[in-house]
Amino acid sequence: MDALLPIITQVIAGVIGGQAVGAAVKQAAMGQLPKILSGAIGGVAGGQLLGMLLGGGAGIDAASAGGLGGLLGDALGGVGGGAILTAIVGAVMKNR
């Protein structure tokens, strides 16, 4: 369960970030499914990327390594990644 908690946090935070961008950017008129999927995928990617950049790499306890560790880092990376990927998907879908 310890290995799944960061991923679950990133997915949920990514969906929240994707929904926020979808609501804020009316030009990216897209359905719920693309917003949820792009938010979730972006959340996991953003959470993993932030973890690597801030020193929370594999096998290292991020809090003791001095990085932005734990669930806060997963949540922040998830929200950011989900928002960014949803904005990109919205822009691509708008230009189709």
PDB file of N, CA and C in Angstrom:
ATOM      1  N   MET A   1       0.824  -1.192   0.000  1.00  0.00           N
ATOM      2  CA  MET A   1       0.000   0.000   0.000  1.00  0.00           C
ATOM      3  C   MET A   1       0.864   1.250   0.000  1.00  0.00           C
ATOM      4  N   ASP A   2       2.043   1.184   0.596  1.00  0.00           N
ATOM      5  CA  ASP A   2       2.922   2.348   0.639  1.00  0.00           C
ATOM      6  C   ASP A   2       3.362   2.782  -0.756  1.00  0.00           C
ATOM      7  N   ALA A   3       3.477   1.834  -1.670  1.00  0.00           N
ATOM      8  CA  ALA A   3       3.903   2.181  -3.020  1.00  0.00           C
ATOM      9  C   ALA A   3       2.755   2.766  -3.839  1.00  0.00           C
ATOM     10  N   LEU A   4       1.519   2.429  -3.503  1.00  0.00           N
ATOM     11  CA  LEU A   4       0.376   2.916  -4.265  1.00  0.00           C
ATOM     12  C   LEU A   4      -0.116   4.286  -3.821  1.00  0.00           C
ATOM     13  N   LEU A   5       0.121   4.658  -2.588  1.00  0.00           N
ATOM     14  CA  LEU A   5      -0.403   5.918  -2.066  1.00  0.00           C
ATOM     15  C   LEU A   5       0.088   7.141  -2.846  1.00  0.00           C
ATOM     16  N   PRO A   6       1.367   7.257  -3.197  1.00  0.00           N
ATOM     17  CA  PRO A   6       1.780   8.410  -3.999  1.00  0.00           C
ATOM     18  C   PRO A   6       1.108   8.451  -5.367  1.00  0.00           C
ATOM     19  N   ILE A   7       0.940   7.308  -6.000  1.00  0.00           N
ATOM     20  CA  ILE A   7       0.313   7.271  -7.325  1.00  0.00           C
ATOM     21  C   ILE A   7      -1.158   7.646  -7.228  1.00  0.00           C
ATOM     22  N   ILE A   8      -1.846   7.150  -6.219  1.00  0.00           N
ATOM     23  CA  ILE A   8      -3.258   7.493  -6.027  1.00  0.00           C
ATOM     24  C   ILE A   8      -3.393   8.990  -5.766  1.00  0.00           C
ATOM     25  N   THR A   9      -2.503   9.541  -4.953  1.00  0.00           N
ATOM     26  CA  THR A   9      -2.520  10.979  -4.672  1.00  0.00           C
ATOM     27  C   THR A   9      -2.284  11.778  -5.944  1.00  0.00           C
ATOM     28  N   GLN A  10      -1.333  11.349  -6.769  1.00  0.00           N
ATOM     29  CA  GLN A  10      -1.036  12.050  -8.006  1.00  0.00           C
ATOM     30  C   GLN A  10      -2.205  12.001  -8.980  1.00  0.00           C
ATOM     31  N   VAL A  11      -2.863  10.851  -9.072  1.00  0.00           N
ATOM     32  CA  VAL A  11      -4.010  10.717  -9.975  1.00  0.00           C
ATOM     33  C   VAL A  11      -5.148  11.629  -9.532  1.00  0.00           C
ATOM     34  N   ILE A  12      -5.485  11.607  -8.254  1.00  0.00           N
ATOM     35  CA  ILE A  12      -6.583  12.434  -7.750  1.00  0.00           C
ATOM     36  C   ILE A  12      -6.254  13.915  -7.907  1.00  0.00           C
ATOM     37  N   ALA A  13      -5.034  14.300  -7.554  1.00  0.00           N
ATOM     38  CA  ALA A  13      -4.633  15.701  -7.696  1.00  0.00           C
ATOM     39  C   ALA A  13      -4.603  16.113  -9.163  1.00  0.00           C
ATOM     40  N   GLY A  14      -4.181  15.219 -10.038  1.00  0.00           N
ATOM     41  CA  GLY A  14      -4.169  15.513 -11.473  1.00  0.00           C
ATOM     42  C   GLY A  14      -5.560  15.731 -12.034  1.00  0.00           C
ATOM     43  N   VAL A  15      -6.513  14.917 -11.597  1.00  0.00           N
ATOM     44  CA  VAL A  15      -7.893  15.092 -12.042  1.00  0.00           C
ATOM     45  C   VAL A  15      -8.430  16.437 -11.553  1.00  0.00           C
ATOM     46  N   ILE A  16      -8.104  16.808 -10.329  1.00  0.00           N
ATOM     47  CA  ILE A  16      -8.538  18.103  -9.793  1.00  0.00           C
ATOM     48  C   ILE A  16      -7.923  19.240 -10.611  1.00  0.00           C
ATOM     49  N   GLY A  17      -6.642  19.146 -10.908  1.00  0.00           N
ATOM     50  CA  GLY A  17      -5.991  20.175 -11.724  1.00  0.00           C
ATOM     51  C   GLY A  17      -6.564  20.249 -13.120  1.00  0.00           C
ATOM     52  N   GLY A  18      -6.849  19.095 -13.704  1.00  0.00           N
ATOM     53  CA  GLY A  18      -7.444  19.068 -15.036  1.00  0.00           C
ATOM     54  C   GLY A  18      -8.842  19.666 -15.059  1.00  0.00           C
ATOM     55  N   GLN A  19      -9.634  19.383 -14.038  1.00  0.00           N
ATOM     56  CA  GLN A  19     -10.981  19.946 -13.961  1.00  0.00           C
ATOM     57  C   GLN A  19     -10.920  21.461 -13.771  1.00  0.00           C
ATOM     58  N   ALA A  20      -9.965  21.923 -12.988  1.00  0.00           N
ATOM     59  CA  ALA A  20      -9.831  23.358 -12.758  1.00  0.00           C
ATOM     60  C   ALA A  20      -9.475  24.088 -14.046  1.00  0.00           C
ATOM     61  N   VAL A  21      -8.542  23.535 -14.801  1.00  0.00           N
ATOM     62  CA  VAL A  21      -8.169  24.162 -16.070  1.00  0.00           C
ATOM     63  C   VAL A  21      -9.320  24.083 -17.055  1.00  0.00           C
ATOM     64  N   GLY A  22     -10.015  22.950 -17.088  1.00  0.00           N
ATOM     65  CA  GLY A  22     -11.156  22.814 -17.988  1.00  0.00           C
ATOM     66  C   GLY A  22     -12.258  23.810 -17.681  1.00  0.00           C
ATOM     67  N   ALA A  23     -12.456  24.116 -16.414  1.00  0.00           N
ATOM     68  CA  ALA A  23     -13.479  25.087 -16.030  1.00  0.00           C
ATOM     69  C   ALA A  23     -13.010  26.519 -16.294  1.00  0.00           C
ATOM     70  N   ALA A  24     -11.722  26.772 -16.128  1.00  0.00           N
ATOM     71  CA  ALA A  24     -11.201  28.126 -16.294  1.00  0.00           C
ATOM     72  C   ALA A  24     -11.037  28.512 -17.761  1.00  0.00           C
ATOM     73  N   VAL A  25     -10.692  27.558 -18.582  1.00  0.00           N
ATOM     74  CA  VAL A  25     -10.432  27.839 -19.996  1.00  0.00           C
ATOM     75  C   VAL A  25     -11.630  27.343 -20.803  1.00  0.00           C
ATOM     76  N   LYS A  26     -12.525  28.234 -21.067  1.00  0.00           N
ATOM     77  CA  LYS A  26     -13.750  27.862 -21.783  1.00  0.00           C
ATOM     78  C   LYS A  26     -13.473  27.549 -23.251  1.00  0.00           C
ATOM     79  N   GLN A  27     -12.360  28.056 -23.809  1.00  0.00           N
ATOM     80  CA  GLN A  27     -12.039  27.778 -25.199  1.00  0.00           C
ATOM     81  C   GLN A  27     -11.729  26.305 -25.408  1.00  0.00           C
ATOM     82  N   ALA A  28     -11.264  25.659 -24.370  1.00  0.00           N
ATOM     83  CA  ALA A  28     -10.938  24.234 -24.462  1.00  0.00           C
ATOM     84  C   ALA A  28     -12.194  23.437 -24.141  1.00  0.00           C
ATOM     85  N   ALA A  29     -13.202  23.610 -24.973  1.00  0.00           N
ATOM     86  CA  ALA A  29     -14.475  22.923 -24.753  1.00  0.00           C
ATOM     87  C   ALA A  29     -14.277  21.443 -25.060  1.00  0.00           C
ATOM     88  N   MET A  30     -14.134  20.658 -24.016  1.00  0.00           N
ATOM     89  CA  MET A  30     -13.942  19.227 -24.172  1.00  0.00           C
ATOM     90  C   MET A  30     -14.789  18.523 -23.134  1.00  0.00           C
ATOM     91  N   GLY A  31     -15.091  17.283 -23.411  1.00  0.00           N
ATOM     92  CA  GLY A  31     -15.937  16.509 -22.517  1.00  0.00           C
ATOM     93  C   GLY A  31     -15.226  16.123 -21.231  1.00  0.00           C
ATOM     94  N   GLN A  32     -15.984  15.499 -20.352  1.00  0.00           N
ATOM     95  CA  GLN A  32     -15.434  15.099 -19.056  1.00  0.00           C
ATOM     96  C   GLN A  32     -14.365  14.009 -19.193  1.00  0.00           C
ATOM     97  N   LEU A  33     -14.579  13.054 -20.081  1.00  0.00           N
ATOM     98  CA  LEU A  33     -13.625  11.947 -20.203  1.00  0.00           C
ATOM     99  C   LEU A  33     -12.226  12.418 -20.599  1.00  0.00           C
ATOM    100  N   PRO A  34     -12.081  13.269 -21.619  1.00  0.00           N
ATOM    101  CA  PRO A  34     -10.727  13.756 -21.923  1.00  0.00           C
ATOM    102  C   PRO A  34     -10.102  14.557 -20.782  1.00  0.00           C
ATOM    103  N   LYS A  35     -10.920  15.342 -20.057  1.00  0.00           N
ATOM    104  CA  LYS A  35     -10.381  16.106 -18.931  1.00  0.00           C
ATOM    105  C   LYS A  35      -9.915  15.183 -17.812  1.00  0.00           C
ATOM    106  N   ILE A  36     -10.692  14.154 -17.530  1.00  0.00           N
ATOM    107  CA  ILE A  36     -10.325  13.221 -16.467  1.00  0.00           C
ATOM    108  C   ILE A  36      -9.071  12.431 -16.841  1.00  0.00           C
ATOM    109  N   LEU A  37      -9.050  11.906 -18.065  1.00  0.00           N
ATOM    110  CA  LEU A  37      -7.895  11.107 -18.495  1.00  0.00           C
ATOM    111  C   LEU A  37      -6.624  11.942 -18.588  1.00  0.00           C
ATOM    112  N   SER A  38      -6.708  13.109 -19.209  1.00  0.00           N
ATOM    113  CA  SER A  38      -5.501  13.925 -19.335  1.00  0.00           C
ATOM    114  C   SER A  38      -5.049  14.430 -17.963  1.00  0.00           C
ATOM    115  N   GLY A  39      -5.991  14.737 -17.084  1.00  0.00           N
ATOM    116  CA  GLY A  39      -5.625  15.154 -15.737  1.00  0.00           C
ATOM    117  C   GLY A  39      -4.935  14.053 -14.958  1.00  0.00           C
ATOM    118  N   ALA A  40      -5.472  12.836 -15.052  1.00  0.00           N
ATOM    119  CA  ALA A  40      -4.886  11.712 -14.325  1.00  0.00           C
ATOM    120  C   ALA A  40      -3.490  11.366 -14.851  1.00  0.00           C
ATOM    121  N   ILE A  41      -3.356  11.309 -16.166  1.00  0.00           N
ATOM    122  CA  ILE A  41      -2.051  10.980 -16.760  1.00  0.00           C
ATOM    123  C   ILE A  41      -1.040  12.086 -16.473  1.00  0.00           C
ATOM    124  N   GLY A  42      -1.472  13.328 -16.632  1.00  0.00           N
ATOM    125  CA  GLY A  42      -0.589  14.451 -16.335  1.00  0.00           C
ATOM    126  C   GLY A  42      -0.225  14.529 -14.862  1.00  0.00           C
ATOM    127  N   GLY A  43      -1.165  14.137 -13.999  1.00  0.00           N
ATOM    128  CA  GLY A  43      -0.897  14.144 -12.564  1.00  0.00           C
ATOM    129  C   GLY A  43       0.193  13.168 -12.175  1.00  0.00           C
ATOM    130  N   VAL A  44       0.131  11.969 -12.727  1.00  0.00           N
ATOM    131  CA  VAL A  44       1.174  10.979 -12.423  1.00  0.00           C
ATOM    132  C   VAL A  44       2.515  11.440 -12.995  1.00  0.00           C
ATOM    133  N   ALA A  45       2.492  11.936 -14.223  1.00  0.00           N
ATOM    134  CA  ALA A  45       3.742  12.395 -14.836  1.00  0.00           C
ATOM    135  C   ALA A  45       4.322  13.585 -14.075  1.00  0.00           C
ATOM    136  N   GLY A  46       3.471  14.537 -13.726  1.00  0.00           N
ATOM    137  CA  GLY A  46       3.941  15.714 -12.999  1.00  0.00           C
ATOM    138  C   GLY A  46       4.454  15.371 -11.609  1.00  0.00           C
ATOM    139  N   GLY A  47       3.772  14.462 -10.929  1.00  0.00           N
ATOM    140  CA  GLY A  47       4.214  14.046  -9.608  1.00  0.00           C
ATOM    141  C   GLY A  47       5.548  13.327  -9.648  1.00  0.00           C
ATOM    142  N   GLN A  48       5.721  12.468 -10.631  1.00  0.00           N
ATOM    143  CA  GLN A  48       6.988  11.758 -10.770  1.00  0.00           C
ATOM    144  C   GLN A  48       8.118  12.722 -11.135  1.00  0.00           C
ATOM    145  N   LEU A  49       7.834  13.644 -12.047  1.00  0.00           N
ATOM    146  CA  LEU A  49       8.849  14.606 -12.465  1.00  0.00           C
ATOM    147  C   LEU A  49       9.259  15.515 -11.318  1.00  0.00           C
ATOM    148  N   LEU A  50       8.285  16.017 -10.561  1.00  0.00           N
ATOM    149  CA  LEU A  50       8.607  16.866  -9.426  1.00  0.00           C
ATOM    150  C   LEU A  50       9.404  16.103  -8.377  1.00  0.00           C
ATOM    151  N   GLY A  51       9.048  14.836  -8.167  1.00  0.00           N
ATOM    152  CA  GLY A  51       9.794  14.014  -7.217  1.00  0.00           C
ATOM    153  C   GLY A  51      11.247  13.846  -7.620  1.00  0.00           C
ATOM    154  N   MET A  52      11.483  13.645  -8.916  1.00  0.00           N
ATOM    155  CA  MET A  52      12.857  13.500  -9.394  1.00  0.00           C
ATOM    156  C   MET A  52      13.630  14.810  -9.297  1.00  0.00           C
ATOM    157  N   LEU A  53      12.973  15.903  -9.619  1.00  0.00           N
ATOM    158  CA  LEU A  53      13.656  17.195  -9.609  1.00  0.00           C
ATOM    159  C   LEU A  53      13.994  17.668  -8.205  1.00  0.00           C
ATOM    160  N   LEU A  54      13.140  17.350  -7.244  1.00  0.00           N
ATOM    161  CA  LEU A  54      13.341  17.844  -5.885  1.00  0.00           C
ATOM    162  C   LEU A  54      14.033  16.848  -4.969  1.00  0.00           C
ATOM    163  N   GLY A  55      14.561  15.784  -5.510  1.00  0.00           N
ATOM    164  CA  GLY A  55      15.371  14.885  -4.716  1.00  0.00           C
ATOM    165  C   GLY A  55      14.626  13.753  -4.068  1.00  0.00           C
ATOM    166  N   GLY A  56      13.451  13.438  -4.515  1.00  0.00           N
ATOM    167  CA  GLY A  56      12.709  12.321  -3.942  1.00  0.00           C
ATOM    168  C   GLY A  56      12.786  11.103  -4.832  1.00  0.00           C
ATOM    169  N   GLY A  57      13.964  10.775  -5.307  1.00  0.00           N
ATOM    170  CA  GLY A  57      14.125   9.687  -6.251  1.00  0.00           C
ATOM    171  C   GLY A  57      13.805   8.334  -5.661  1.00  0.00           C
ATOM    172  N   ALA A  58      13.850   7.327  -6.507  1.00  0.00           N
ATOM    173  CA  ALA A  58      13.495   5.967  -6.105  1.00  0.00           C
ATOM    174  C   ALA A  58      14.433   5.470  -5.014  1.00  0.00           C
ATOM    175  N   GLY A  59      13.850   4.916  -3.984  1.00  0.00           N
ATOM    176  CA  GLY A  59      14.632   4.340  -2.917  1.00  0.00           C
ATOM    177  C   GLY A  59      15.101   5.337  -1.878  1.00  0.00           C
ATOM    178  N   ILE A  60      14.802   6.603  -2.052  1.00  0.00           N
ATOM    179  CA  ILE A  60      15.229   7.628  -1.102  1.00  0.00           C
ATOM    180  C   ILE A  60      13.986   8.224  -0.468  1.00  0.00           C
ATOM    181  N   ASP A  61      13.999   8.320   0.845  1.00  0.00           N
ATOM    182  CA  ASP A  61      12.898   8.978   1.538  1.00  0.00           C
ATOM    183  C   ASP A  61      13.002  10.468   1.255  1.00  0.00           C
ATOM    184  N   ALA A  62      12.026  11.028   0.555  1.00  0.00           N
ATOM    185  CA  ALA A  62      12.102  12.405   0.079  1.00  0.00           C
ATOM    186  C   ALA A  62      12.177  13.404   1.232  1.00  0.00           C
ATOM    187  N   ALA A  63      11.499  13.123   2.325  1.00  0.00           N
ATOM    188  CA  ALA A  63      11.513  14.065   3.450  1.00  0.00           C
ATOM    189  C   ALA A  63      12.899  14.128   4.081  1.00  0.00           C
ATOM    190  N   SER A  64      13.563  12.996   4.204  1.00  0.00           N
ATOM    191  CA  SER A  64      14.891  13.004   4.815  1.00  0.00           C
ATOM    192  C   SER A  64      15.963  13.458   3.839  1.00  0.00           C
ATOM    193  N   ALA A  65      15.665  13.453   2.548  1.00  0.00           N
ATOM    194  CA  ALA A  65      16.630  13.901   1.555  1.00  0.00           C
ATOM    195  C   ALA A  65      16.586  15.408   1.370  1.00  0.00           C
ATOM    196  N   GLY A  66      15.693  16.078   2.077  1.00  0.00           N
ATOM    197  CA  GLY A  66      15.624  17.523   1.991  1.00  0.00           C
ATOM    198  C   GLY A  66      14.705  18.020   0.890  1.00  0.00           C
ATOM    199  N   GLY A  67      14.048  17.121   0.167  1.00  0.00           N
ATOM    200  CA  GLY A  67      13.150  17.543  -0.903  1.00  0.00           C
ATOM    201  C   GLY A  67      11.774  17.852  -0.369  1.00  0.00           C
ATOM    202  N   LEU A  68      10.921  18.286  -1.254  1.00  0.00           N
ATOM    203  CA  LEU A  68       9.528  18.538  -0.905  1.00  0.00           C
ATOM    204  C   LEU A  68       8.849  17.185  -0.894  1.00  0.00           C
ATOM    205  N   GLY A  69       8.904  16.509   0.241  1.00  0.00           N
ATOM    206  CA  GLY A  69       8.549  15.114   0.269  1.00  0.00           C
ATOM    207  C   GLY A  69       7.121  14.820   0.623  1.00  0.00           C
ATOM    208  N   GLY A  70       6.829  13.558   0.524  1.00  0.00           N
ATOM    209  CA  GLY A  70       5.558  13.048   0.969  1.00  0.00           C
ATOM    210  C   GLY A  70       4.398  13.399   0.075  1.00  0.00           C
ATOM    211  N   LEU A  71       3.247  13.395   0.686  1.00  0.00           N
ATOM    212  CA  LEU A  71       2.017  13.599  -0.058  1.00  0.00           C
ATOM    213  C   LEU A  71       1.878  15.012  -0.592  1.00  0.00           C
ATOM    214  N   LEU A  72       2.482  15.990   0.078  1.00  0.00           N
ATOM    215  CA  LEU A  72       2.407  17.363  -0.412  1.00  0.00           C
ATOM    216  C   LEU A  72       3.090  17.493  -1.770  1.00  0.00           C
ATOM    217  N   GLY A  73       4.254  16.921  -1.911  1.00  0.00           N
ATOM    218  CA  GLY A  73       4.954  16.950  -3.193  1.00  0.00           C
ATOM    219  C   GLY A  73       4.199  16.211  -4.277  1.00  0.00           C
ATOM    220  N   ASP A  74       3.615  15.062  -3.914  1.00  0.00           N
ATOM    221  CA  ASP A  74       2.816  14.304  -4.878  1.00  0.00           C
ATOM    222  C   ASP A  74       1.598  15.105  -5.317  1.00  0.00           C
ATOM    223  N   ALA A  75       0.954  15.773  -4.368  1.00  0.00           N
ATOM    224  CA  ALA A  75      -0.239  16.546  -4.682  1.00  0.00           C
ATOM    225  C   ALA A  75       0.096  17.762  -5.547  1.00  0.00           C
ATOM    226  N   LEU A  76       1.154  18.485  -5.193  1.00  0.00           N
ATOM    227  CA  LEU A  76       1.532  19.660  -5.978  1.00  0.00           C
ATOM    228  C   LEU A  76       1.953  19.280  -7.397  1.00  0.00           C
ATOM    229  N   GLY A  77       2.747  18.243  -7.511  1.00  0.00           N
ATOM    230  CA  GLY A  77       3.150  17.775  -8.837  1.00  0.00           C
ATOM    231  C   GLY A  77       1.966  17.261  -9.630  1.00  0.00           C
ATOM    232  N   GLY A  78       1.045  16.590  -8.944  1.00  0.00           N
ATOM    233  CA  GLY A  78      -0.142  16.071  -9.621  1.00  0.00           C
ATOM    234  C   GLY A  78      -1.042  17.162 -10.143  1.00  0.00           C
ATOM    235  N   VAL A  79      -1.289  18.177  -9.321  1.00  0.00           N
ATOM    236  CA  VAL A  79      -2.149  19.287  -9.755  1.00  0.00           C
ATOM    237  C   VAL A  79      -1.512  20.018 -10.934  1.00  0.00           C
ATOM    238  N   GLY A  80      -0.229  20.292 -10.810  1.00  0.00           N
ATOM    239  CA  GLY A  80       0.461  21.000 -11.890  1.00  0.00           C
ATOM    240  C   GLY A  80       0.508  20.204 -13.183  1.00  0.00           C
ATOM    241  N   GLY A  81       0.879  18.950 -13.071  1.00  0.00           N
ATOM    242  CA  GLY A  81       0.959  18.105 -14.266  1.00  0.00           C
ATOM    243  C   GLY A  81      -0.393  17.890 -14.914  1.00  0.00           C
ATOM    244  N   GLY A  82      -1.419  17.675 -14.092  1.00  0.00           N
ATOM    245  CA  GLY A  82      -2.764  17.490 -14.630  1.00  0.00           C
ATOM    246  C   GLY A  82      -3.279  18.733 -15.319  1.00  0.00           C
ATOM    247  N   ALA A  83      -2.996  19.896 -14.734  1.00  0.00           N
ATOM    248  CA  ALA A  83      -3.437  21.155 -15.332  1.00  0.00           C
ATOM    249  C   ALA A  83      -2.721  21.416 -16.652  1.00  0.00           C
ATOM    250  N   ILE A  84      -1.424  21.189 -16.676  1.00  0.00           N
ATOM    251  CA  ILE A  84      -0.648  21.456 -17.887  1.00  0.00           C
ATOM    252  C   ILE A  84      -1.066  20.533 -19.021  1.00  0.00           C
ATOM    253  N   LEU A  85      -1.165  19.227 -18.742  1.00  0.00           N
ATOM    254  CA  LEU A  85      -1.532  18.294 -19.807  1.00  0.00           C
ATOM    255  C   LEU A  85      -2.957  18.532 -20.287  1.00  0.00           C
ATOM    256  N   THR A  86      -3.871  18.867 -19.394  1.00  0.00           N
ATOM    257  CA  THR A  86      -5.244  19.147 -19.808  1.00  0.00           C
ATOM    258  C   THR A  86      -5.296  20.390 -20.686  1.00  0.00           C
ATOM    259  N   ALA A  87      -4.519  21.409 -20.362  1.00  0.00           N
ATOM    260  CA  ALA A  87      -4.470  22.611 -21.197  1.00  0.00           C
ATOM    261  C   ALA A  87      -3.923  22.291 -22.583  1.00  0.00           C
ATOM    262  N   ILE A  88      -2.912  21.439 -22.641  1.00  0.00           N
ATOM    263  CA  ILE A  88      -2.335  21.054 -23.937  1.00  0.00           C
ATOM    264  C   ILE A  88      -3.351  20.268 -24.747  1.00  0.00           C
ATOM    265  N   VAL A  89      -3.999  19.293 -24.121  1.00  0.00           N
ATOM    266  CA  VAL A  89      -5.002  18.482 -24.827  1.00  0.00           C
ATOM    267  C   VAL A  89      -6.161  19.364 -25.291  1.00  0.00           C
ATOM    268  N   GLY A  90      -6.594  20.307 -24.440  1.00  0.00           N
ATOM    269  CA  GLY A  90      -7.665  21.223 -24.828  1.00  0.00           C
ATOM    270  C   GLY A  90      -7.300  22.064 -26.037  1.00  0.00           C
ATOM    271  N   ALA A  91      -6.050  22.552 -26.073  1.00  0.00           N
ATOM    272  CA  ALA A  91      -5.602  23.362 -27.206  1.00  0.00           C
ATOM    273  C   ALA A  91      -5.535  22.534 -28.479  1.00  0.00           C
ATOM    274  N   VAL A  92      -5.071  21.297 -28.368  1.00  0.00           N
ATOM    275  CA  VAL A  92      -4.994  20.423 -29.544  1.00  0.00           C
ATOM    276  C   VAL A  92      -6.390  20.077 -30.036  1.00  0.00           C
ATOM    277  N   MET A  93      -7.312  19.784 -29.123  1.00  0.00           N
ATOM    278  CA  MET A  93      -8.664  19.422 -29.526  1.00  0.00           C
ATOM    279  C   MET A  93      -9.393  20.629 -30.128  1.00  0.00           C
ATOM    280  N   LYS A  94      -9.082  21.819 -29.674  1.00  0.00           N
ATOM    281  CA  LYS A  94      -9.704  23.022 -30.211  1.00  0.00           C
ATOM    282  C   LYS A  94      -9.271  23.263 -31.653  1.00  0.00           C
ATOM    283  N   ASN A  95      -8.025  22.955 -31.960  1.00  0.00           N
ATOM    284  CA  ASN A  95      -7.474  23.207 -33.289  1.00  0.00           C
ATOM    285  C   ASN A  95      -7.732  22.079 -34.281  1.00  0.00           C
ATOM    286  N   ARG A  96      -8.452  21.076 -33.865  1.00  0.00           N
ATOM    287  CA  ARG A  96      -8.743  19.963 -34.786  1.00  0.00           C
ATOM    288  C   ARG A  96      -9.760  20.351 -35.782  1.00  0.00           C
TER     289      ARG A  96
END
